[in-house]
Amino acid sequence: MQLSQGAAEKIITDLGMDDMPLTLMRPDCRPVSPNWYARYRELCHEFIMSLTDSVETLAFMNLTQDEFMNLIMGKSVPNNLSIRFRTPLVWGGKLETDNLFMCWTFPHSHNLDRFIIGQSGNEQIWLPNPAKKIYLPAHMASGGDGGNATSDRLSQMAAQIAAGRDI
């Protein structure tokens, strides 16, 4: 059943992501290159190396200092974080970093899969399309009245890393 914009927004709200922007698109079904995964792994590395401009968002994800540093340095993605395609490859998405975003695997990535799979067979699909590289619900992306020492500390660390890379 084709979803209206209102119906799609209600479903995404019911899944706990009421601030997730949605984009209507017509799937352009096409075969995926057999070597897509190798290129995807390269893209993921490029993507995480670009996260120094998203340190404020990362600071609110309650990562340990080691997880944060490993992520910013491009070594590893912490458990329970997923790098997702904005537009799936089988529907015409491109193997480009602009087609990627990061979110919590549970519950967000799982819920996004349910949302997308629930539209299978439709002529038009509503896809999640967060404005930033990292999707963190708005209610989780702000500090309390006293500030956020973790955010400040991680911001300083990221600024040093970025300076070291001449970013």
Protein backbone atom coordinates (compact mmCIF):
# COMPACT_ATOMS: atom_id res chain seq x y z
CA MET A 1 0.00 0.00 0.00
CA GLN A 2 1.39 3.38 -1.04
CA LEU A 3 1.93 5.64 1.97
CA SER A 4 0.90 9.26 2.04
CA GLN A 5 3.33 11.71 3.59
CA GLY A 6 1.18 11.90 6.71
CA ALA A 7 1.04 8.11 7.06
CA ALA A 8 4.81 7.81 6.57
CA GLU A 9 5.45 10.51 9.18
CA LYS A 10 3.10 8.80 11.64
CA ILE A 11 4.91 5.48 11.24
CA ILE A 12 8.34 7.06 11.69
CA THR A 13 7.03 8.96 14.74
CA ASP A 14 5.63 5.73 16.20
CA LEU A 15 9.10 4.24 15.76
CA GLY A 16 10.53 7.01 17.98
CA MET A 17 12.10 9.13 15.24
CA ASP A 18 9.66 12.02 14.88
CA ASP A 19 12.48 14.39 13.83
CA MET A 20 13.72 12.15 10.98
CA PRO A 21 13.22 13.90 7.62
CA LEU A 22 11.71 11.71 4.91
CA THR A 23 12.25 11.93 1.16
CA LEU A 24 9.85 10.50 -1.41
CA MET A 25 11.56 8.63 -4.21
CA ARG A 26 10.74 6.24 -6.99
CA PRO A 27 12.98 3.16 -6.70
CA ASP A 28 15.16 2.72 -9.76
CA CYS A 29 15.78 -1.03 -9.43
CA ARG A 30 19.16 -2.03 -10.79
CA PRO A 31 21.77 -4.71 -10.26
CA VAL A 32 24.51 -4.00 -7.78
CA SER A 33 28.15 -4.37 -8.80
CA PRO A 34 29.65 -7.66 -7.59
CA ASN A 35 32.49 -5.78 -5.87
CA TRP A 36 30.19 -3.35 -4.05
CA TYR A 37 31.19 -4.55 -0.59
CA ALA A 38 34.89 -3.83 -1.05
CA ARG A 39 34.05 -0.30 -2.21
CA TYR A 40 31.55 0.08 0.66
CA ARG A 41 34.28 -0.76 3.19
CA GLU A 42 36.52 1.91 1.63
CA LEU A 43 33.65 4.40 1.75
CA CYS A 44 32.96 3.61 5.40
CA HIS A 45 36.58 4.39 6.20
CA GLU A 46 36.39 7.67 4.26
CA PHE A 47 33.10 8.45 6.01
CA ILE A 48 34.41 7.94 9.53
CA MET A 49 37.55 9.92 8.73
CA SER A 50 35.24 12.82 7.82
CA LEU A 51 33.45 12.83 11.18
CA THR A 52 35.69 15.46 12.76
CA ASP A 53 33.09 18.01 11.66
CA SER A 54 30.44 16.09 13.63
CA VAL A 55 32.18 15.91 16.98
CA GLU A 56 29.41 17.77 18.81
CA THR A 57 26.90 15.12 17.78
CA LEU A 58 29.32 12.30 18.58
CA ALA A 59 29.87 13.75 22.05
CA PHE A 60 26.21 13.14 22.91
CA MET A 61 26.35 9.48 21.88
CA ASN A 62 27.86 8.42 25.22
CA LEU A 63 30.85 6.77 23.60
CA THR A 64 33.81 5.89 25.77
CA GLN A 65 36.96 7.87 25.12
CA ASP A 66 38.50 4.83 23.39
CA GLU A 67 35.43 4.32 21.17
CA PHE A 68 35.39 8.01 20.31
CA MET A 69 39.10 8.11 19.48
CA ASN A 70 38.97 4.90 17.43
CA LEU A 71 36.03 6.27 15.47
CA ILE A 72 37.56 9.70 14.82
CA MET A 73 40.92 8.14 13.91
CA GLY A 74 39.21 5.84 11.42
CA LYS A 75 40.17 2.64 13.23
CA SER A 76 36.78 1.17 14.07
CA VAL A 77 33.08 1.81 14.41
CA PRO A 78 31.83 1.16 17.96
CA ASN A 79 29.39 -1.64 18.64
CA ASN A 80 25.76 -0.67 18.13
CA LEU A 81 26.55 1.99 15.52
CA SER A 82 25.66 1.41 11.88
CA ILE A 83 26.66 3.15 8.69
CA ARG A 84 23.61 3.14 6.42
CA PHE A 85 22.81 4.09 2.86
CA ARG A 86 20.41 6.99 2.44
CA THR A 87 19.23 5.41 -0.84
CA PRO A 88 19.82 1.65 -1.08
CA LEU A 89 22.08 0.56 -3.92
CA VAL A 90 19.38 -1.71 -5.37
CA TRP A 91 17.10 1.33 -5.71
CA GLY A 92 19.61 3.52 -7.49
CA GLY A 93 21.75 4.69 -4.58
CA LYS A 94 25.36 5.50 -5.29
CA LEU A 95 28.54 4.23 -3.67
CA GLU A 96 29.45 7.70 -2.38
CA THR A 97 30.04 9.07 1.09
CA ASP A 98 27.19 11.56 0.54
CA ASN A 99 24.85 8.56 0.40
CA LEU A 100 25.86 7.41 3.91
CA PHE A 101 24.81 8.30 7.41
CA MET A 102 25.44 6.84 10.85
CA CYS A 103 22.94 5.97 13.56
CA TRP A 104 22.49 3.61 16.48
CA THR A 105 21.97 0.05 15.24
CA PHE A 106 19.37 -0.56 17.92
CA PRO A 107 16.82 0.83 17.94
CA HIS A 108 17.19 3.27 15.03
CA SER A 109 18.74 1.18 12.24
CA HIS A 110 16.44 -1.74 13.06
CA ASN A 111 13.40 0.54 13.02
CA LEU A 112 14.49 2.15 9.75
CA ASP A 113 14.76 -1.32 8.20
CA ARG A 114 11.22 -2.11 9.38
CA PHE A 115 9.98 1.20 7.95
CA ILE A 116 11.64 0.67 4.56
CA ILE A 117 10.81 -3.04 4.22
CA GLY A 118 7.20 -2.24 5.09
CA GLN A 119 7.03 -0.26 1.84
CA SER A 120 8.35 -3.04 -0.40
CA GLY A 121 6.56 -3.28 -3.70
CA ASN A 122 5.38 0.34 -3.68
CA GLU A 123 5.93 2.52 -6.72
CA GLN A 124 7.16 5.33 -4.49
CA ILE A 125 9.07 4.91 -1.24
CA TRP A 126 9.59 7.25 1.69
CA LEU A 127 13.24 7.06 2.72
CA PRO A 128 14.82 8.45 5.88
CA ASN A 129 17.17 11.27 4.99
CA PRO A 130 18.75 12.91 8.04
CA ALA A 131 20.19 16.37 7.50
CA LYS A 132 23.53 15.50 9.09
CA LYS A 133 26.05 12.69 8.79
CA ILE A 134 24.93 11.27 12.13
CA TYR A 135 21.33 10.75 13.10
CA LEU A 136 20.75 11.32 16.77
CA PRO A 137 17.18 12.16 17.82
CA ALA A 138 16.84 15.78 18.89
CA HIS A 139 15.88 14.82 22.43
CA MET A 140 19.29 13.11 22.80
CA ALA A 141 21.41 15.85 21.20
CA SER A 142 21.40 18.52 23.87
CA GLY A 143 23.13 18.89 27.17
CA GLY A 144 21.65 19.83 30.49
CA ASP A 145 21.69 23.27 32.08
CA GLY A 146 25.18 22.71 33.45
CA GLY A 147 26.78 22.00 30.09
CA ASN A 148 28.44 18.84 28.98
CA ALA A 149 32.01 18.22 30.11
CA THR A 150 32.22 15.13 27.90
CA SER A 151 31.19 17.19 24.88
CA ASP A 152 33.78 19.83 25.71
CA ARG A 153 36.53 17.26 26.23
CA LEU A 154 35.72 15.34 23.05
CA SER A 155 35.39 18.57 21.05
CA GLN A 156 38.88 19.59 22.12
CA MET A 157 40.26 16.17 21.18
CA ALA A 158 38.60 16.27 17.77
CA ALA A 159 39.90 19.80 17.14
CA GLN A 160 43.43 18.58 17.84
CA ILE A 161 42.99 15.65 15.46
CA ALA A 162 41.54 17.91 12.77
CA ALA A 163 44.44 20.34 13.17
CA GLY A 164 46.85 17.43 12.80
CA ARG A 165 45.18 16.50 9.52
CA ASP A 166 45.16 20.12 8.29
CA ILE A 167 41.34 20.08 8.14
